[in-house]
């Protein structure tokens, strides 16, 4: 038998390897885009950045160091060129597939950072497995702009697992729906009508604002925003505002809110402040042909009838008054139950007459302010 050459003996001292085999290697050199590993074969293995991770921003020198040991998968063996190409991400993906399968079967909640914001949804990576979360499954409400999720860590479950087609679908929506249902149950167990609670403005419309009370939205109608008159809710509130609100009514899962707190009711001291005979100052808020509405304070309006503006005949209030003008007048009628106050500027122009009130002056005290306001609103 002939003796083996030195090269043959050297070759025999190394084991053979095959593509697809998982081996352990030791890092003997590392550069930003490539690492060299001793894998116990006649040739060292080459691990490129592209075969280490799908993240193109990674610098291999920051994650691998000389002396590190790691398991890798043989990607390709080229004996003629003396090269062995290695892959780490494919090995990680194989293991990741098993991890995703387990999470899918167990309905496990996963957590990962958003790797990419796409036109149709979000992309996250779990152990080198890319998972797609469609826009329709990102939230329980439609979100046109998903860029706010960029680089954010989110929770989701796997709703579809198809390794043959490499189709992995994540679902964040069902977690949000379940969480809200839990919060809703807890909220309704602890609140009741008349409670004061904290909330955050979630949306503002022309007719009111929706306030998030902690998983449940309540409606703050425009009529309940102030004891006074609110023309445009969007000028008063903005999304994100924090506030204390009063629970006015609970009907099923619907909650009606109010900012009309009893201790701030401007009518609670009105009987003494606006007693008949008192001289008051107010601002002309709006006018009709029959009179002007004067705001005495927020939430308290009084009617100045056209016949009580001057001793001279006035055709319509706008002939002598302007919106925003400050006027001084005498209270000639006060009705707390119906919240009606009538004023007279004419009464300050001359001493009170001893004779009975003239018929033309008597009609001023019977005008229903709330009815007039309602009529105005219906005409707008």
Protein backbone atom coordinates (compact mmCIF):
# COMPACT_ATOMS: atom_id res chain seq x y z
CA UNK A 1 0.00 0.00 0.00
CA UNK A 2 1.41 3.37 -0.96
CA UNK A 3 1.90 5.99 1.72
CA UNK A 4 -0.49 9.01 1.89
CA UNK A 5 0.88 12.36 0.89
CA UNK A 6 0.98 15.20 3.45
CA UNK A 7 -1.87 16.98 1.68
CA UNK A 8 -3.97 13.81 1.75
CA UNK A 9 -3.32 13.29 5.43
CA UNK A 10 -4.21 16.93 6.10
CA UNK A 11 -7.47 16.53 4.21
CA UNK A 12 -8.27 13.39 6.16
CA UNK A 13 -7.79 15.26 9.43
CA UNK A 14 -10.75 17.51 8.59
CA UNK A 15 -14.31 16.24 8.54
CA UNK A 16 -16.47 16.65 5.47
CA UNK A 17 -19.38 19.08 5.42
CA UNK A 18 -22.43 19.45 3.22
CA UNK A 19 -24.78 22.24 2.22
CA UNK A 20 -27.60 22.62 4.72
CA UNK A 21 -25.55 21.28 7.61
CA UNK A 22 -25.57 23.16 10.90
CA UNK A 23 -22.07 23.66 12.31
CA UNK A 24 -20.45 25.55 15.14
CA UNK A 25 -17.81 28.09 14.27
CA UNK A 26 -15.46 30.53 15.95
CA UNK A 27 -15.03 34.06 14.68
CA UNK A 28 -11.39 34.61 13.69
CA UNK A 29 -11.84 37.86 11.77
CA UNK A 30 -14.64 40.39 11.37
CA UNK A 31 -15.20 43.40 9.12
CA UNK A 32 -18.28 45.62 8.76
CA UNK A 33 -19.64 43.51 5.87
CA UNK A 34 -18.04 40.11 6.42
CA UNK A 35 -16.88 37.69 9.11
CA UNK A 36 -14.54 34.68 8.84
CA UNK A 37 -15.27 31.62 10.99
CA UNK A 38 -13.17 28.55 11.77
CA UNK A 39 -15.65 25.67 11.34
CA UNK A 40 -13.18 22.76 11.67
CA UNK A 41 -12.95 22.25 7.93
CA UNK A 42 -10.01 22.57 5.57
CA UNK A 43 -11.42 25.96 4.54
CA UNK A 44 -12.71 28.68 6.81
CA UNK A 45 -16.30 29.77 6.41
CA UNK A 46 -17.39 33.17 5.10
CA UNK A 47 -20.40 34.85 6.66
CA UNK A 48 -21.52 37.99 4.82
CA UNK A 49 -23.70 40.70 6.33
CA UNK A 50 -26.51 39.79 3.93
CA UNK A 51 -26.46 36.24 5.29
CA UNK A 52 -26.28 37.40 8.87
CA UNK A 53 -29.34 39.64 8.94
CA UNK A 54 -32.01 41.32 6.82
CA UNK A 55 -31.18 44.64 8.46
CA UNK A 56 -28.93 46.49 6.03
CA UNK A 57 -27.94 49.04 8.67
CA UNK A 58 -26.11 46.48 10.83
CA UNK A 59 -22.31 46.75 11.16
CA UNK A 60 -20.98 43.24 11.83
CA UNK A 61 -18.14 44.60 13.99
CA UNK A 62 -20.77 45.82 16.46
CA UNK A 63 -22.46 42.41 16.85
CA UNK A 64 -19.64 39.92 16.30
CA UNK A 65 -16.20 39.79 17.89
CA UNK A 66 -13.08 37.66 17.43
CA UNK A 67 -13.40 34.62 19.67
CA UNK A 68 -17.20 34.49 19.58
CA UNK A 69 -18.68 31.06 18.92
CA UNK A 70 -21.95 30.64 17.10
CA UNK A 71 -24.02 28.12 15.21
CA UNK A 72 -24.34 28.71 11.48
CA UNK A 73 -25.72 26.83 8.54
CA UNK A 74 -23.61 25.80 5.55
CA UNK A 75 -25.09 27.66 2.62
CA UNK A 76 -22.74 26.54 -0.15
CA UNK A 77 -19.52 24.48 -0.43
CA UNK A 78 -17.22 25.27 -3.32
CA UNK A 79 -14.27 22.91 -3.03
CA UNK A 80 -12.74 24.03 -6.34
CA UNK A 81 -12.39 27.58 -5.06
CA UNK A 82 -11.80 26.55 -1.46
CA UNK A 83 -14.77 28.51 -0.18
CA UNK A 84 -17.49 27.68 2.28
CA UNK A 85 -20.33 30.15 2.39
CA UNK A 86 -22.26 30.33 5.66
CA UNK A 87 -25.61 31.74 6.68
CA UNK A 88 -26.88 32.71 10.09
CA UNK A 89 -30.17 34.37 9.14
CA UNK A 90 -31.47 31.25 7.38
CA UNK A 91 -30.71 29.15 10.42
CA UNK A 92 -32.39 31.78 12.56
CA UNK A 93 -35.33 31.82 10.13
CA UNK A 94 -35.70 28.04 10.43
CA UNK A 95 -35.82 28.38 14.18
CA UNK A 96 -37.99 31.46 13.83
CA UNK A 97 -40.49 29.46 11.78
CA UNK A 98 -40.85 27.01 14.63
CA UNK A 99 -41.20 29.92 17.05
CA UNK A 100 -43.93 31.50 14.91
CA UNK A 101 -45.69 28.17 14.53
CA UNK A 102 -45.76 27.71 18.31
CA UNK A 103 -47.06 31.27 18.79
CA UNK A 104 -49.76 30.65 16.17
CA UNK A 105 -50.90 27.39 17.75
CA UNK A 106 -50.85 28.80 21.28
CA UNK A 107 -52.37 32.19 20.32
CA UNK A 108 -49.39 33.77 22.01
CA UNK A 109 -48.99 37.55 22.08
CA UNK A 110 -45.73 38.56 20.41
CA UNK A 111 -43.89 41.85 20.69
CA UNK A 112 -41.59 43.33 18.05
CA UNK A 113 -40.40 46.66 16.70
CA UNK A 114 -41.90 47.87 13.43
CA UNK A 115 -39.18 47.32 10.84
CA UNK A 116 -40.96 48.99 7.93
CA UNK A 117 -44.08 51.04 7.21
CA UNK A 118 -45.63 49.95 3.93
CA UNK A 119 -48.51 51.32 1.88
CA UNK A 120 -50.74 48.45 2.94
CA UNK A 121 -49.61 47.89 6.50
CA UNK A 122 -46.65 47.26 8.79
CA UNK A 123 -43.74 44.84 8.64
CA UNK A 124 -42.14 43.36 11.78
CA UNK A 125 -39.38 40.79 12.18
CA UNK A 126 -39.42 38.03 14.79
CA UNK A 127 -36.25 35.90 14.88
CA UNK A 128 -35.48 36.72 11.24
CA UNK A 129 -39.03 35.91 10.12
CA UNK A 130 -40.79 38.81 8.46
CA UNK A 131 -44.44 39.19 9.50
CA UNK A 132 -46.91 41.45 7.72
CA UNK A 133 -49.67 43.26 9.60
CA UNK A 134 -52.27 44.62 7.11
CA UNK A 135 -53.53 48.17 7.69
CA UNK A 136 -56.99 46.76 8.45
CA UNK A 137 -55.51 44.75 11.35
CA UNK A 138 -53.30 47.48 12.80
CA UNK A 139 -56.05 49.12 14.86
CA UNK A 140 -59.76 48.85 15.60
CA UNK A 141 -60.34 52.11 13.74
CA UNK A 142 -59.23 53.13 10.24
CA UNK A 143 -55.85 54.84 10.21
CA UNK A 144 -54.84 56.53 7.01
CA UNK A 145 -51.33 57.43 8.15
CA UNK A 146 -49.33 54.56 9.64
CA UNK A 147 -46.01 56.41 9.84
CA UNK A 148 -46.52 57.05 13.56
CA UNK A 149 -45.78 53.35 14.11
CA UNK A 150 -42.30 53.54 12.57
CA UNK A 151 -39.70 52.05 14.95
CA UNK A 152 -42.39 51.56 17.60
CA UNK A 153 -42.60 48.29 19.54
CA UNK A 154 -46.05 46.77 19.14
CA UNK A 155 -47.90 43.67 20.32
CA UNK A 156 -49.78 41.32 17.99
CA UNK A 157 -50.83 37.72 17.44
CA UNK A 158 -50.28 35.49 14.42
CA UNK A 159 -53.59 35.16 12.58
CA UNK A 160 -52.26 33.27 9.55
CA UNK A 161 -49.30 30.86 9.33
CA UNK A 162 -48.34 29.39 5.95
CA UNK A 163 -44.63 28.44 5.79
CA UNK A 164 -44.91 26.92 2.32
CA UNK A 165 -45.91 30.26 0.87
CA UNK A 166 -43.87 32.12 3.45
CA UNK A 167 -47.03 33.94 4.43
CA UNK A 168 -47.15 35.13 8.03
CA UNK A 169 -49.92 37.56 8.97
CA UNK A 170 -50.05 39.46 12.25
CA UNK A 171 -53.12 40.92 13.91
CA UNK A 172 -52.98 43.82 16.37
CA UNK A 173 -56.66 44.76 16.08
CA UNK A 174 -58.06 41.82 18.04
CA UNK A 175 -55.81 42.65 20.99
CA UNK A 176 -57.08 46.24 21.02
CA UNK A 177 -60.71 45.11 20.77
CA UNK A 178 -60.24 42.63 23.62
CA UNK A 179 -58.47 45.22 25.77
CA UNK A 180 -61.20 47.79 25.20
CA UNK A 181 -63.88 45.25 26.08
CA UNK A 182 -62.08 44.55 29.34
CA UNK A 183 -61.66 48.26 30.10
CA UNK A 184 -65.30 48.91 29.20
CA UNK A 185 -66.47 46.26 31.62
CA UNK A 186 -64.27 47.64 34.41
CA UNK A 187 -65.40 51.22 33.73
CA UNK A 188 -69.13 50.48 33.80
CA UNK A 189 -68.67 48.56 37.03
CA UNK A 190 -67.26 51.58 38.84
CA UNK A 191 -69.07 54.62 37.40
CA UNK A 192 -72.58 55.95 37.82
CA UNK A 193 -74.59 59.00 36.79
CA UNK A 194 -73.47 62.10 38.64
CA UNK A 195 -69.82 61.02 38.94
CA UNK A 196 -66.99 63.30 37.91
CA UNK A 197 -64.32 61.48 35.88
CA UNK A 198 -61.15 62.31 33.94
CA UNK A 199 -60.99 62.00 30.19
CA UNK A 200 -59.05 62.94 27.07
CA UNK A 201 -60.55 64.55 23.97
CA UNK A 202 -60.43 61.95 21.20
CA UNK A 203 -62.38 63.70 18.44
CA UNK A 204 -64.18 67.02 17.96
CA UNK A 205 -67.17 67.54 15.64
CA UNK A 206 -69.61 70.35 14.92
CA UNK A 207 -72.13 68.91 17.38
CA UNK A 208 -69.82 67.92 20.22
CA UNK A 209 -66.67 66.16 21.38
CA UNK A 210 -65.92 62.50 22.06
CA UNK A 211 -64.05 61.99 25.31
CA UNK A 212 -62.02 58.84 26.00
CA UNK A 213 -62.77 57.83 29.59
CA UNK A 214 -60.34 54.92 29.52
CA UNK A 215 -61.42 52.46 26.85
CA UNK A 216 -64.93 53.90 26.48
CA UNK A 217 -65.88 57.09 24.66
CA UNK A 218 -68.47 59.48 26.06
CA UNK A 219 -70.22 62.25 24.12
CA UNK A 220 -69.97 65.82 25.33
CA UNK A 221 -72.75 67.49 23.35
CA UNK A 222 -72.36 71.13 22.33
CA UNK A 223 -75.29 72.04 24.60
CA UNK A 224 -73.43 70.58 27.59
CA UNK A 225 -70.07 72.24 26.98
CA UNK A 226 -70.77 75.37 28.96
CA UNK A 227 -73.42 77.18 30.96
CA UNK A 228 -73.02 79.76 28.23
CA UNK A 229 -73.39 79.53 24.47
CA UNK A 230 -70.79 77.60 22.43
CA UNK A 231 -70.86 78.40 18.72
CA UNK A 232 -68.09 76.09 17.49
CA UNK A 233 -66.70 73.18 19.58
CA UNK A 234 -63.55 73.07 17.44
CA UNK A 235 -62.61 76.52 18.70
CA UNK A 236 -62.95 75.41 22.30
CA UNK A 237 -61.46 71.90 22.36
CA UNK A 238 -58.66 70.08 20.59
CA UNK A 239 -57.67 66.42 20.40
CA UNK A 240 -55.49 65.46 23.36
CA UNK A 241 -57.00 67.93 25.84
CA UNK A 242 -57.36 66.46 29.34
CA UNK A 243 -60.42 67.42 31.35
CA UNK A 244 -62.80 66.59 34.17
CA UNK A 245 -66.32 65.79 32.98
CA UNK A 246 -69.63 65.02 34.64
CA UNK A 247 -71.45 61.79 33.76
CA UNK A 248 -74.90 63.08 32.94
CA UNK A 249 -76.52 59.87 31.68
CA UNK A 250 -75.64 56.21 31.07
CA UNK A 251 -77.79 54.38 28.54
CA UNK A 252 -76.53 50.88 27.76
CA UNK A 253 -72.99 51.39 26.50
CA UNK A 254 -73.59 55.06 25.68
CA UNK A 255 -72.40 57.77 28.04
CA UNK A 256 -73.59 61.38 27.88
CA UNK A 257 -71.21 63.89 29.46
CA UNK A 258 -71.48 67.46 30.65
CA UNK A 259 -69.32 70.36 31.80
CA UNK A 260 -72.25 72.05 33.49
CA UNK A 261 -71.14 71.47 37.07
CA UNK A 262 -73.71 72.46 39.70
CA UNK A 263 -71.28 74.58 41.71
CA UNK A 264 -70.57 76.67 38.61
CA UNK A 265 -74.24 77.19 37.71
CA UNK A 266 -74.53 80.94 37.14
CA UNK A 267 -78.22 80.83 38.10
CA UNK A 268 -77.60 79.64 41.67
CA UNK A 269 -77.10 83.24 42.92
CA UNK A 270 -79.10 84.93 40.17
CA UNK A 271 -82.13 85.66 42.40
CA UNK A 272 -80.15 88.16 44.47
CA UNK A 273 -77.84 89.44 41.75
CA UNK A 274 -80.63 90.13 39.28
CA UNK A 275 -83.55 90.97 41.53
CA UNK A 276 -86.18 93.34 40.13
CA UNK A 277 -84.96 96.90 40.53
CA UNK A 278 -81.24 96.08 40.36
CA UNK A 279 -79.07 98.04 37.95
CA UNK A 280 -76.91 95.69 35.87
CA UNK A 281 -74.34 95.90 33.11
CA UNK A 282 -74.11 93.45 30.22
CA UNK A 283 -72.97 92.95 26.63
CA UNK A 284 -75.25 92.84 23.61
CA UNK A 285 -74.85 89.27 22.37
CA UNK A 286 -77.41 89.09 19.55
CA UNK A 287 -80.45 90.89 18.24
CA UNK A 288 -83.86 90.24 16.74
CA UNK A 289 -86.49 92.64 15.45
CA UNK A 290 -88.30 92.63 18.81
CA UNK A 291 -85.31 93.08 21.09
CA UNK A 292 -81.71 92.43 22.04
CA UNK A 293 -80.28 89.60 24.12
CA UNK A 294 -77.84 90.88 26.68
CA UNK A 295 -75.27 88.59 28.29
CA UNK A 296 -75.01 89.51 31.95
CA UNK A 297 -72.47 86.74 32.60
CA UNK A 298 -71.59 83.41 31.01
CA UNK A 299 -74.80 81.40 30.94
CA UNK A 300 -77.13 84.23 31.94
CA UNK A 301 -78.88 86.17 29.16
CA UNK A 302 -81.57 88.80 29.57
CA UNK A 303 -83.99 90.30 27.07
CA UNK A 304 -84.02 94.01 26.37
CA UNK A 305 -87.29 94.53 24.52
CA UNK A 306 -87.24 97.08 21.70
CA UNK A 307 -89.82 99.18 23.57
CA UNK A 308 -87.48 99.43 26.57
CA UNK A 309 -84.40 100.73 24.78
CA UNK A 310 -85.32 104.42 24.72
CA UNK A 311 -88.10 106.88 25.48
CA UNK A 312 -88.03 107.61 21.77
CA UNK A 313 -89.58 105.16 19.33
CA UNK A 314 -87.07 102.54 18.12
CA UNK A 315 -87.99 100.57 15.02
CA UNK A 316 -85.52 97.75 15.64
CA UNK A 317 -82.64 97.28 18.14
CA UNK A 318 -79.92 97.32 15.49
CA UNK A 319 -80.80 100.94 14.75
CA UNK A 320 -79.29 102.03 18.08
CA UNK A 321 -77.32 99.07 19.43
CA UNK A 322 -74.32 97.03 18.23
CA UNK A 323 -73.22 93.45 18.92
CA UNK A 324 -70.55 93.54 21.64
CA UNK A 325 -71.70 96.89 22.99
CA UNK A 326 -71.79 97.23 26.78
CA UNK A 327 -75.06 98.58 28.16
CA UNK A 328 -76.47 99.41 31.58
CA UNK A 329 -80.11 98.64 32.33
CA UNK A 330 -82.60 98.01 35.11
CA UNK A 331 -84.05 94.58 35.88
CA UNK A 332 -87.84 94.86 35.43
CA UNK A 333 -88.70 91.14 35.66
CA UNK A 334 -87.01 88.01 37.01
CA UNK A 335 -88.33 84.46 36.75
CA UNK A 336 -85.91 81.91 38.21
CA UNK A 337 -88.00 78.85 37.32
CA UNK A 338 -88.10 79.62 33.61
CA UNK A 339 -84.72 81.44 33.72
CA UNK A 340 -86.09 84.65 32.22
CA UNK A 341 -84.82 88.14 32.92
CA UNK A 342 -86.17 91.30 31.33
CA UNK A 343 -84.32 94.61 31.23
CA UNK A 344 -85.14 98.23 30.57
CA UNK A 345 -82.76 101.01 29.56
CA UNK A 346 -85.66 103.42 29.35
CA UNK A 347 -86.33 103.03 33.07
CA UNK A 348 -82.98 104.68 33.79
CA UNK A 349 -83.67 107.69 31.62
CA UNK A 350 -86.38 109.14 33.81
CA UNK A 351 -87.82 108.63 37.29
CA UNK A 352 -90.21 105.73 37.62
CA UNK A 353 -93.73 106.94 36.73
CA UNK A 354 -96.30 106.83 39.56
CA UNK A 355 -99.12 105.85 37.24
CA UNK A 356 -99.71 102.29 36.15
CA UNK A 357 -97.38 100.77 33.62
CA UNK A 358 -98.44 101.58 30.11
CA UNK A 359 -99.68 98.79 27.92
CA UNK A 360 -96.78 99.21 25.49
CA UNK A 361 -94.34 98.57 28.36
CA UNK A 362 -96.15 95.60 29.85
CA UNK A 363 -95.40 93.13 27.07
CA UNK A 364 -91.66 93.11 27.74
CA UNK A 365 -91.76 90.84 30.78
CA UNK A 366 -93.53 87.89 29.25
CA UNK A 367 -91.13 86.93 26.46
CA UNK A 368 -89.83 83.36 26.80
CA UNK A 369 -86.08 83.67 26.24
CA UNK A 370 -85.51 79.93 25.84
CA UNK A 371 -88.27 79.70 23.23
CA UNK A 372 -86.72 82.55 21.27
CA UNK A 373 -83.28 80.95 21.44
CA UNK A 374 -84.75 77.67 20.21
CA UNK A 375 -86.46 79.50 17.37
CA UNK A 376 -83.20 81.19 16.43
CA UNK A 377 -81.37 77.84 16.42
CA UNK A 378 -83.97 76.28 14.13
CA UNK A 379 -83.57 79.11 11.65
CA UNK A 380 -79.77 78.85 11.51
